[in-house]
């Protein structure tokens, strides 16, 4: 059985797969990795039958700000696209697809400003999977040194799995995954 190391963020610790074994779970719990972020080995087939959330973070620097000192909206969308791409990349491991490209960005809503020096933490979750497409909900949370984590932006990204043909062009390809 081929296993690979991958970084997943589970909403609840009860999502730990039984096939990871008691030894793995005891090792994680003894290191304080209950819930939250876990780094572990798992079977590629596992991804097709569990909903997962992929995390990504960025620090807002002065060059990312607009004239009033908050994060430029275009930069937020760019980072959210990267977060969606990272999730798609994880889903497409072990498939015939070479990559995933953005087809559409829907229902984008800026909820709160993000200031220079704050962290933006992205959580990407699969909403639905088609034959070659995937809809990924990306939530961006801002977090400063002195304030609580807050929802800054939310958007849905539609990504399409593609494969490079011998002539150098690209075609849509089935990813063969499903959410159960």
N, C-alpha and C. Protein backbone atom coordinates (compact mmCIF):
# COMPACT_ATOMS: atom_id res chain seq x y z
N UNK A 1 0.85 -1.17 0.00
CA UNK A 1 0.00 0.00 0.00
C UNK A 1 0.89 1.24 0.00
N UNK A 2 0.70 2.12 -0.96
CA UNK A 2 1.51 3.33 -1.06
C UNK A 2 0.95 4.42 -0.17
N UNK A 3 1.78 5.00 0.67
CA UNK A 3 1.35 6.07 1.54
C UNK A 3 2.20 7.30 1.28
N UNK A 4 1.68 8.45 1.60
CA UNK A 4 2.41 9.69 1.40
C UNK A 4 2.15 10.60 2.60
N UNK A 5 3.08 11.54 2.82
CA UNK A 5 2.92 12.46 3.93
C UNK A 5 2.17 13.69 3.41
N UNK A 6 1.18 14.12 4.16
CA UNK A 6 0.37 15.26 3.74
C UNK A 6 -0.07 16.01 4.98
N UNK A 7 -0.30 17.30 4.83
CA UNK A 7 -0.70 18.15 5.95
C UNK A 7 -2.18 18.45 5.80
N UNK A 8 -2.97 18.01 6.76
CA UNK A 8 -4.41 18.21 6.72
C UNK A 8 -4.86 18.91 7.99
N UNK A 9 -5.91 19.65 7.89
CA UNK A 9 -6.50 20.26 9.08
C UNK A 9 -7.90 19.69 9.21
N UNK A 10 -8.15 18.98 10.30
CA UNK A 10 -9.45 18.38 10.53
C UNK A 10 -10.25 19.24 11.49
N UNK A 11 -11.53 19.33 11.25
CA UNK A 11 -12.39 20.13 12.12
C UNK A 11 -12.57 19.47 13.47
N UNK A 12 -12.60 18.16 13.52
CA UNK A 12 -12.77 17.44 14.78
C UNK A 12 -11.79 16.28 14.82
N UNK A 13 -11.33 15.94 16.00
CA UNK A 13 -10.38 14.84 16.11
C UNK A 13 -11.02 13.50 15.77
N UNK A 14 -12.34 13.43 15.79
CA UNK A 14 -13.02 12.18 15.51
C UNK A 14 -12.93 11.79 14.04
N UNK A 15 -12.42 12.68 13.20
CA UNK A 15 -12.25 12.36 11.79
C UNK A 15 -11.00 11.54 11.54
N UNK A 16 -10.22 11.24 12.59
CA UNK A 16 -9.03 10.42 12.40
C UNK A 16 -9.46 9.07 11.85
N UNK A 17 -8.84 8.64 10.77
CA UNK A 17 -9.24 7.36 10.18
C UNK A 17 -8.81 6.20 11.06
N UNK A 18 -9.67 5.20 11.15
CA UNK A 18 -9.34 4.02 11.94
C UNK A 18 -8.16 3.28 11.33
N UNK A 19 -8.00 3.36 10.01
CA UNK A 19 -6.93 2.62 9.36
C UNK A 19 -5.55 3.18 9.66
N UNK A 20 -5.46 4.36 10.30
CA UNK A 20 -4.15 4.89 10.69
C UNK A 20 -3.59 4.10 11.86
N UNK A 21 -4.43 3.39 12.59
CA UNK A 21 -3.96 2.52 13.65
C UNK A 21 -3.87 3.19 15.00
N UNK A 22 -3.94 2.35 16.04
CA UNK A 22 -3.92 2.84 17.41
C UNK A 22 -2.58 3.49 17.73
N UNK A 23 -1.48 2.91 17.27
CA UNK A 23 -0.16 3.46 17.56
C UNK A 23 -0.04 4.88 17.05
N UNK A 24 -0.54 5.15 15.84
CA UNK A 24 -0.49 6.50 15.28
C UNK A 24 -1.29 7.46 16.15
N UNK A 25 -2.51 7.07 16.51
CA UNK A 25 -3.37 7.97 17.29
C UNK A 25 -2.77 8.25 18.66
N UNK A 26 -2.19 7.22 19.29
CA UNK A 26 -1.57 7.44 20.60
C UNK A 26 -0.39 8.38 20.48
N UNK A 27 0.40 8.25 19.42
CA UNK A 27 1.55 9.12 19.22
C UNK A 27 1.11 10.57 19.03
N UNK A 28 0.05 10.79 18.24
CA UNK A 28 -0.45 12.14 18.01
C UNK A 28 -1.03 12.74 19.27
N UNK A 29 -1.82 11.94 20.01
CA UNK A 29 -2.44 12.47 21.21
C UNK A 29 -1.39 12.77 22.28
N UNK A 30 -0.34 11.93 22.35
CA UNK A 30 0.71 12.17 23.35
C UNK A 30 1.51 13.42 23.03
N UNK A 31 1.52 13.86 21.78
CA UNK A 31 2.22 15.08 21.40
C UNK A 31 1.29 16.29 21.37
N UNK A 32 0.05 16.12 21.81
CA UNK A 32 -0.88 17.23 21.86
C UNK A 32 -1.50 17.58 20.52
N UNK A 33 -1.53 16.64 19.60
CA UNK A 33 -2.06 16.92 18.27
C UNK A 33 -3.52 16.47 18.14
N UNK A 34 -4.31 16.63 19.18
CA UNK A 34 -5.72 16.28 19.09
C UNK A 34 -6.44 17.41 18.38
N UNK A 35 -7.12 17.10 17.31
CA UNK A 35 -7.77 18.14 16.52
C UNK A 35 -6.72 19.02 15.88
N UNK A 36 -7.12 20.19 15.36
CA UNK A 36 -6.15 21.11 14.78
C UNK A 36 -5.37 20.50 13.65
N UNK A 37 -4.10 20.83 13.58
CA UNK A 37 -3.26 20.39 12.47
C UNK A 37 -2.59 19.06 12.79
N UNK A 38 -2.61 18.17 11.86
CA UNK A 38 -1.95 16.88 11.99
C UNK A 38 -1.13 16.62 10.74
N UNK A 39 0.03 16.06 10.93
CA UNK A 39 0.85 15.64 9.81
C UNK A 39 0.99 14.13 9.93
N UNK A 40 0.52 13.40 8.93
CA UNK A 40 0.57 11.96 9.05
C UNK A 40 0.55 11.29 7.68
N UNK A 41 0.75 9.97 7.71
CA UNK A 41 0.73 9.18 6.49
C UNK A 41 -0.65 8.55 6.32
N UNK A 42 -1.12 8.54 5.11
CA UNK A 42 -2.40 7.90 4.88
C UNK A 42 -2.48 7.40 3.44
N UNK A 43 -3.40 6.52 3.21
CA UNK A 43 -3.60 5.94 1.90
C UNK A 43 -4.24 6.96 0.97
N UNK A 44 -3.83 7.00 -0.29
CA UNK A 44 -4.39 7.96 -1.25
C UNK A 44 -5.90 7.82 -1.40
N UNK A 45 -6.40 6.62 -1.27
CA UNK A 45 -7.83 6.41 -1.42
C UNK A 45 -8.62 7.12 -0.32
N UNK A 46 -8.01 7.34 0.81
CA UNK A 46 -8.66 7.98 1.95
C UNK A 46 -9.23 9.34 1.58
N UNK A 47 -8.54 10.10 0.75
CA UNK A 47 -8.99 11.45 0.42
C UNK A 47 -10.33 11.44 -0.29
N UNK A 48 -10.64 10.39 -1.02
CA UNK A 48 -11.89 10.37 -1.77
C UNK A 48 -13.11 10.13 -0.89
N UNK A 49 -12.90 9.67 0.35
CA UNK A 49 -14.07 9.41 1.16
C UNK A 49 -14.13 10.24 2.44
N UNK A 50 -13.41 11.34 2.51
CA UNK A 50 -13.49 12.25 3.64
C UNK A 50 -13.42 13.68 3.13
N UNK A 51 -14.19 14.56 3.75
CA UNK A 51 -14.11 15.97 3.43
C UNK A 51 -12.94 16.54 4.23
N UNK A 52 -12.07 17.28 3.57
CA UNK A 52 -10.92 17.81 4.27
C UNK A 52 -10.82 19.31 4.08
N UNK A 53 -10.10 19.93 4.98
CA UNK A 53 -9.83 21.35 4.92
C UNK A 53 -8.33 21.53 4.82
N UNK A 54 -7.90 22.33 3.86
CA UNK A 54 -6.48 22.58 3.64
C UNK A 54 -6.17 24.00 4.10
N UNK A 55 -5.09 24.17 4.85
CA UNK A 55 -4.74 25.47 5.41
C UNK A 55 -3.58 26.11 4.65
N UNK A 56 -3.56 27.44 4.67
CA UNK A 56 -2.52 28.24 4.02
C UNK A 56 -2.51 29.59 4.72
N UNK A 57 -1.35 30.19 4.93
CA UNK A 57 -1.26 31.47 5.65
C UNK A 57 -0.34 32.45 4.94
N UNK A 58 -0.62 33.74 5.12
CA UNK A 58 0.20 34.82 4.59
C UNK A 58 0.26 35.95 5.61
N UNK A 59 1.40 36.62 5.68
CA UNK A 59 1.57 37.80 6.51
C UNK A 59 1.40 39.02 5.61
N UNK A 60 0.58 39.98 6.04
CA UNK A 60 0.35 41.19 5.24
C UNK A 60 1.53 42.14 5.45
N UNK A 61 2.23 42.42 4.37
CA UNK A 61 3.39 43.31 4.38
C UNK A 61 3.00 44.66 3.78
N UNK A 62 3.82 45.71 3.99
CA UNK A 62 3.48 47.04 3.45
C UNK A 62 3.22 47.05 1.93
N UNK A 63 3.95 46.25 1.17
CA UNK A 63 3.74 46.24 -0.28
C UNK A 63 2.40 45.61 -0.68
N UNK A 64 1.70 44.95 0.26
CA UNK A 64 0.40 44.35 0.00
C UNK A 64 -0.76 45.30 0.32
N UNK A 65 -0.45 46.48 0.85
CA UNK A 65 -1.49 47.39 1.34
C UNK A 65 -1.87 48.44 0.29
N UNK A 66 -3.08 48.95 0.44
CA UNK A 66 -3.56 50.05 -0.40
C UNK A 66 -3.21 51.38 0.28
N UNK A 67 -3.74 52.47 -0.21
CA UNK A 67 -3.37 53.80 0.30
C UNK A 67 -3.87 54.08 1.72
N UNK A 68 -4.84 53.30 2.21
CA UNK A 68 -5.31 53.52 3.59
C UNK A 68 -4.73 52.51 4.58
N UNK A 69 -3.77 51.70 4.13
CA UNK A 69 -3.07 50.79 5.03
C UNK A 69 -3.73 49.46 5.28
N UNK A 70 -4.72 49.11 4.46
CA UNK A 70 -5.35 47.80 4.59
C UNK A 70 -4.98 46.95 3.37
N UNK A 71 -5.18 45.66 3.50
CA UNK A 71 -4.83 44.73 2.43
C UNK A 71 -5.59 45.05 1.15
N UNK A 72 -4.88 45.17 0.06
CA UNK A 72 -5.47 45.40 -1.26
C UNK A 72 -6.34 44.20 -1.62
N UNK A 73 -7.57 44.47 -2.07
CA UNK A 73 -8.53 43.40 -2.38
C UNK A 73 -8.03 42.42 -3.43
N UNK A 74 -7.31 42.92 -4.42
CA UNK A 74 -6.77 42.05 -5.46
C UNK A 74 -5.74 41.07 -4.90
N UNK A 75 -4.98 41.51 -3.91
CA UNK A 75 -4.00 40.63 -3.27
C UNK A 75 -4.70 39.54 -2.48
N UNK A 76 -5.80 39.90 -1.81
CA UNK A 76 -6.59 38.90 -1.07
C UNK A 76 -7.12 37.83 -2.02
N UNK A 77 -7.66 38.25 -3.17
CA UNK A 77 -8.18 37.29 -4.15
C UNK A 77 -7.06 36.40 -4.67
N UNK A 78 -5.90 36.99 -4.93
CA UNK A 78 -4.75 36.21 -5.40
C UNK A 78 -4.36 35.14 -4.39
N UNK A 79 -4.28 35.52 -3.11
CA UNK A 79 -3.93 34.55 -2.08
C UNK A 79 -5.00 33.48 -1.92
N UNK A 80 -6.26 33.88 -2.06
CA UNK A 80 -7.34 32.89 -1.96
C UNK A 80 -7.28 31.91 -3.13
N UNK A 81 -6.89 32.38 -4.30
CA UNK A 81 -6.72 31.51 -5.46
C UNK A 81 -5.60 30.50 -5.21
N UNK A 82 -4.52 30.95 -4.58
CA UNK A 82 -3.43 30.04 -4.22
C UNK A 82 -3.91 29.00 -3.22
N UNK A 83 -4.70 29.42 -2.24
CA UNK A 83 -5.24 28.49 -1.24
C UNK A 83 -6.13 27.43 -1.90
N UNK A 84 -6.97 27.86 -2.86
CA UNK A 84 -7.82 26.91 -3.59
C UNK A 84 -6.97 25.98 -4.43
N UNK A 85 -5.93 26.50 -5.05
CA UNK A 85 -5.02 25.69 -5.87
C UNK A 85 -4.30 24.65 -5.02
N UNK A 86 -3.92 25.03 -3.81
CA UNK A 86 -3.25 24.09 -2.91
C UNK A 86 -4.19 22.94 -2.56
N UNK A 87 -5.45 23.24 -2.30
CA UNK A 87 -6.43 22.20 -2.00
C UNK A 87 -6.63 21.29 -3.21
N UNK A 88 -6.74 21.89 -4.40
CA UNK A 88 -6.91 21.10 -5.62
C UNK A 88 -5.70 20.20 -5.86
N UNK A 89 -4.52 20.75 -5.61
CA UNK A 89 -3.28 19.98 -5.78
C UNK A 89 -3.31 18.73 -4.89
N UNK A 90 -3.75 18.89 -3.66
CA UNK A 90 -3.83 17.75 -2.74
C UNK A 90 -4.83 16.71 -3.25
N UNK A 91 -5.95 17.17 -3.76
CA UNK A 91 -6.97 16.26 -4.26
C UNK A 91 -6.48 15.49 -5.48
N UNK A 92 -5.69 16.13 -6.33
CA UNK A 92 -5.29 15.53 -7.61
C UNK A 92 -4.09 14.60 -7.52
N UNK A 93 -3.48 14.49 -6.34
CA UNK A 93 -2.34 13.56 -6.21
C UNK A 93 -2.79 12.15 -6.55
N UNK A 94 -2.01 11.49 -7.37
CA UNK A 94 -2.32 10.12 -7.75
C UNK A 94 -3.35 9.99 -8.85
N UNK A 95 -3.72 11.08 -9.51
CA UNK A 95 -4.68 11.03 -10.61
C UNK A 95 -3.95 11.29 -11.93
N UNK A 96 -4.69 11.23 -13.02
CA UNK A 96 -4.12 11.48 -14.34
C UNK A 96 -3.90 12.97 -14.62
N UNK A 97 -4.42 13.83 -13.75
CA UNK A 97 -4.32 15.28 -13.96
C UNK A 97 -2.91 15.78 -13.64
N UNK A 98 -2.48 16.76 -14.42
CA UNK A 98 -1.19 17.42 -14.17
C UNK A 98 -1.35 18.61 -13.24
N UNK A 99 -2.50 19.25 -13.28
CA UNK A 99 -2.73 20.45 -12.47
C UNK A 99 -4.23 20.77 -12.48
N UNK A 100 -4.56 21.85 -11.78
CA UNK A 100 -5.93 22.38 -11.81
C UNK A 100 -5.83 23.87 -12.07
N UNK A 101 -6.74 24.38 -12.87
CA UNK A 101 -6.77 25.81 -13.18
C UNK A 101 -8.08 26.40 -12.70
N UNK A 102 -8.06 27.69 -12.44
CA UNK A 102 -9.25 28.38 -11.97
C UNK A 102 -10.21 28.61 -13.13
N UNK A 103 -11.44 28.16 -12.98
CA UNK A 103 -12.48 28.35 -13.99
C UNK A 103 -13.34 29.55 -13.64
N UNK A 104 -13.66 29.69 -12.34
CA UNK A 104 -14.54 30.79 -11.91
C UNK A 104 -14.30 31.11 -10.44
N UNK A 105 -14.56 32.36 -10.10
CA UNK A 105 -14.55 32.81 -8.71
C UNK A 105 -15.92 33.42 -8.46
N UNK A 106 -16.68 32.80 -7.57
CA UNK A 106 -18.06 33.21 -7.32
C UNK A 106 -18.25 33.67 -5.89
N UNK A 107 -19.29 34.47 -5.70
CA UNK A 107 -19.77 34.86 -4.37
C UNK A 107 -18.66 35.38 -3.46
N UNK A 108 -17.81 36.24 -3.99
CA UNK A 108 -16.75 36.83 -3.18
C UNK A 108 -17.34 37.93 -2.32
N UNK A 109 -17.04 37.88 -1.03
CA UNK A 109 -17.53 38.91 -0.12
C UNK A 109 -16.43 39.29 0.86
N UNK A 110 -16.09 40.58 0.85
CA UNK A 110 -15.12 41.11 1.80
C UNK A 110 -15.88 41.48 3.06
N UNK A 111 -15.53 40.86 4.18
CA UNK A 111 -16.27 41.03 5.43
C UNK A 111 -15.63 42.04 6.37
N UNK A 112 -14.28 42.08 6.42
CA UNK A 112 -13.58 42.96 7.37
C UNK A 112 -12.23 43.35 6.78
N UNK A 113 -11.74 44.54 7.10
CA UNK A 113 -10.42 44.94 6.60
C UNK A 113 -9.29 44.17 7.30
N UNK A 114 -8.18 44.02 6.59
CA UNK A 114 -7.00 43.36 7.14
C UNK A 114 -5.87 44.38 7.08
N UNK A 115 -5.18 44.58 8.20
CA UNK A 115 -4.16 45.61 8.30
C UNK A 115 -2.76 45.04 8.14
N UNK A 116 -1.82 45.91 7.78
CA UNK A 116 -0.42 45.53 7.65
C UNK A 116 0.04 44.94 8.98
N UNK A 117 0.76 43.84 8.92
CA UNK A 117 1.27 43.18 10.12
C UNK A 117 0.38 42.08 10.65
N UNK A 118 -0.81 41.93 10.09
CA UNK A 118 -1.70 40.86 10.52
C UNK A 118 -1.49 39.63 9.65
N UNK A 119 -1.80 38.48 10.22
CA UNK A 119 -1.76 37.23 9.47
C UNK A 119 -3.12 36.99 8.84
N UNK A 120 -3.12 36.43 7.65
CA UNK A 120 -4.34 35.97 7.00
C UNK A 120 -4.23 34.45 6.89
N UNK A 121 -5.16 33.74 7.52
CA UNK A 121 -5.18 32.28 7.50
C UNK A 121 -6.34 31.82 6.62
N UNK A 122 -6.02 31.02 5.63
CA UNK A 122 -7.01 30.55 4.67
C UNK A 122 -7.38 29.11 4.97
N UNK A 123 -8.67 28.81 4.89
CA UNK A 123 -9.16 27.45 5.04
C UNK A 123 -9.96 27.10 3.80
N UNK A 124 -9.50 26.10 3.07
CA UNK A 124 -10.15 25.68 1.83
C UNK A 124 -10.85 24.35 2.05
N UNK A 125 -12.14 24.31 1.72
CA UNK A 125 -12.94 23.11 1.91
C UNK A 125 -13.64 22.77 0.60
N UNK A 126 -13.66 21.49 0.25
CA UNK A 126 -14.36 21.07 -0.96
C UNK A 126 -15.86 21.08 -0.72
N UNK A 127 -16.58 21.77 -1.60
CA UNK A 127 -18.04 21.84 -1.53
C UNK A 127 -18.65 20.74 -2.37
N UNK A 128 -18.15 20.60 -3.60
CA UNK A 128 -18.65 19.56 -4.50
C UNK A 128 -17.57 19.19 -5.51
N UNK A 129 -17.71 18.00 -6.07
CA UNK A 129 -16.79 17.51 -7.10
C UNK A 129 -17.59 17.06 -8.30
N UNK A 130 -17.18 17.49 -9.48
CA UNK A 130 -17.78 17.02 -10.72
C UNK A 130 -16.86 15.99 -11.35
N UNK A 131 -16.98 15.81 -12.66
CA UNK A 131 -16.12 14.84 -13.35
C UNK A 131 -14.69 15.37 -13.44
N UNK A 132 -14.53 16.60 -13.88
CA UNK A 132 -13.20 17.20 -13.94
C UNK A 132 -13.11 18.46 -13.08
N UNK A 133 -14.23 18.90 -12.56
CA UNK A 133 -14.26 20.15 -11.80
C UNK A 133 -14.38 19.90 -10.31
N UNK A 134 -14.09 20.95 -9.55
CA UNK A 134 -14.24 20.92 -8.11
C UNK A 134 -14.61 22.32 -7.64
N UNK A 135 -15.52 22.43 -6.71
CA UNK A 135 -15.89 23.71 -6.12
C UNK A 135 -15.28 23.74 -4.73
N UNK A 136 -14.50 24.79 -4.48
CA UNK A 136 -13.76 24.91 -3.22
C UNK A 136 -14.18 26.21 -2.54
N UNK A 137 -14.63 26.11 -1.31
CA UNK A 137 -14.98 27.28 -0.51
C UNK A 137 -13.73 27.70 0.25
N UNK A 138 -13.32 28.95 0.07
CA UNK A 138 -12.15 29.48 0.75
C UNK A 138 -12.60 30.57 1.70
N UNK A 139 -12.23 30.40 2.97
CA UNK A 139 -12.50 31.42 3.99
C UNK A 139 -11.16 31.99 4.44
N UNK A 140 -11.08 33.33 4.49
CA UNK A 140 -9.87 34.01 4.93
C UNK A 140 -10.13 34.65 6.28
N UNK A 141 -9.34 34.28 7.26
CA UNK A 141 -9.46 34.82 8.61
C UNK A 141 -8.27 35.72 8.91
N UNK A 142 -8.52 36.92 9.37
CA UNK A 142 -7.45 37.85 9.76
C UNK A 142 -7.19 37.67 11.25
N UNK A 143 -5.92 37.84 11.61
CA UNK A 143 -5.54 37.64 13.00
C UNK A 143 -4.40 38.58 13.35
N UNK A 144 -4.64 39.47 14.28
CA UNK A 144 -3.61 40.40 14.73
C UNK A 144 -3.07 40.00 16.09
N UNK A 145 -2.09 40.75 16.56
CA UNK A 145 -1.49 40.44 17.86
C UNK A 145 -2.44 40.70 19.02
N UNK A 146 -3.29 41.71 18.88
CA UNK A 146 -4.11 42.15 20.01
C UNK A 146 -5.61 41.92 19.81
N UNK A 147 -5.99 41.27 18.74
CA UNK A 147 -7.42 41.06 18.52
C UNK A 147 -7.70 39.60 18.19
N UNK A 148 -8.96 39.26 18.25
CA UNK A 148 -9.39 37.90 17.97
C UNK A 148 -9.41 37.63 16.46
N UNK A 149 -9.37 36.38 16.12
CA UNK A 149 -9.47 35.95 14.73
C UNK A 149 -10.85 36.35 14.20
N UNK A 150 -10.88 36.92 12.99
CA UNK A 150 -12.15 37.35 12.41
C UNK A 150 -12.21 36.97 10.94
N UNK A 151 -13.41 36.69 10.45
CA UNK A 151 -13.61 36.36 9.05
C UNK A 151 -13.44 37.63 8.22
N UNK A 152 -12.46 37.63 7.32
CA UNK A 152 -12.17 38.81 6.51
C UNK A 152 -12.75 38.71 5.10
N UNK A 153 -12.77 37.51 4.54
CA UNK A 153 -13.26 37.35 3.16
C UNK A 153 -13.67 35.90 2.95
N UNK A 154 -14.63 35.72 2.06
CA UNK A 154 -15.10 34.37 1.72
C UNK A 154 -15.40 34.35 0.22
N UNK A 155 -15.07 33.23 -0.44
CA UNK A 155 -15.34 33.09 -1.88
C UNK A 155 -15.38 31.62 -2.26
N UNK A 156 -16.08 31.33 -3.36
CA UNK A 156 -16.12 29.98 -3.93
C UNK A 156 -15.33 29.97 -5.22
N UNK A 157 -14.43 29.00 -5.33
CA UNK A 157 -13.60 28.85 -6.51
C UNK A 157 -13.97 27.56 -7.22
N UNK A 158 -14.15 27.64 -8.53
CA UNK A 158 -14.35 26.44 -9.33
C UNK A 158 -13.05 26.17 -10.06
N UNK A 159 -12.48 25.00 -9.81
CA UNK A 159 -11.22 24.60 -10.43
C UNK A 159 -11.50 23.43 -11.37
N UNK A 160 -10.68 23.30 -12.42
CA UNK A 160 -10.84 22.22 -13.38
C UNK A 160 -9.51 21.48 -13.50
N UNK A 161 -9.58 20.15 -13.43
CA UNK A 161 -8.39 19.32 -13.58
C UNK A 161 -8.00 19.26 -15.05
N UNK A 162 -6.71 19.43 -15.32
CA UNK A 162 -6.23 19.41 -16.70
C UNK A 162 -5.00 18.50 -16.83
N UNK A 163 -4.75 18.10 -18.08
CA UNK A 163 -3.58 17.28 -18.40
C UNK A 163 -2.96 17.82 -19.68
N UNK A 164 -1.64 17.83 -19.72
CA UNK A 164 -0.93 18.31 -20.91
C UNK A 164 -0.86 17.20 -21.95
N UNK A 165 -1.26 17.55 -23.18
CA UNK A 165 -1.19 16.60 -24.28
C UNK A 165 0.21 16.65 -24.90
N UNK A 166 0.50 15.70 -25.76
CA UNK A 166 1.83 15.62 -26.39
C UNK A 166 2.15 16.82 -27.25
N UNK A 167 1.13 17.47 -27.81
CA UNK A 167 1.38 18.64 -28.66
C UNK A 167 1.56 19.93 -27.85
N UNK A 168 1.53 19.83 -26.51
CA UNK A 168 1.76 21.00 -25.67
C UNK A 168 0.51 21.73 -25.22
N UNK A 169 -0.63 21.36 -25.76
CA UNK A 169 -1.88 21.98 -25.33
C UNK A 169 -2.43 21.20 -24.12
N UNK A 170 -3.46 21.76 -23.51
CA UNK A 170 -4.04 21.14 -22.32
C UNK A 170 -5.48 20.73 -22.59
N UNK A 171 -5.91 19.69 -21.88
CA UNK A 171 -7.29 19.22 -21.98
C UNK A 171 -7.82 18.91 -20.59
N UNK A 172 -9.15 19.04 -20.44
CA UNK A 172 -9.78 18.64 -19.18
C UNK A 172 -9.63 17.13 -19.03
N UNK A 173 -9.50 16.71 -17.77
CA UNK A 173 -9.36 15.28 -17.50
C UNK A 173 -10.15 14.95 -16.24
N UNK A 174 -10.69 13.76 -16.20
CA UNK A 174 -11.43 13.31 -15.02
C UNK A 174 -10.47 13.08 -13.87
N UNK A 175 -10.84 13.56 -12.68
CA UNK A 175 -9.98 13.34 -11.51
C UNK A 175 -10.37 12.07 -10.77
N UNK A 176 -11.57 11.54 -11.03
CA UNK A 176 -11.98 10.28 -10.44
C UNK A 176 -12.21 10.30 -8.94
N UNK A 177 -12.39 11.46 -8.36
CA UNK A 177 -12.60 11.59 -6.92
C UNK A 177 -14.05 11.92 -6.64
N UNK A 178 -14.47 11.62 -5.41
CA UNK A 178 -15.82 11.97 -5.00
C UNK A 178 -15.85 12.23 -3.51
N UNK A 179 -16.81 13.00 -3.08
CA UNK A 179 -17.01 13.24 -1.66
C UNK A 179 -18.14 12.33 -1.21
N UNK A 180 -17.86 11.53 -0.21
CA UNK A 180 -18.87 10.58 0.28
C UNK A 180 -19.42 11.06 1.59
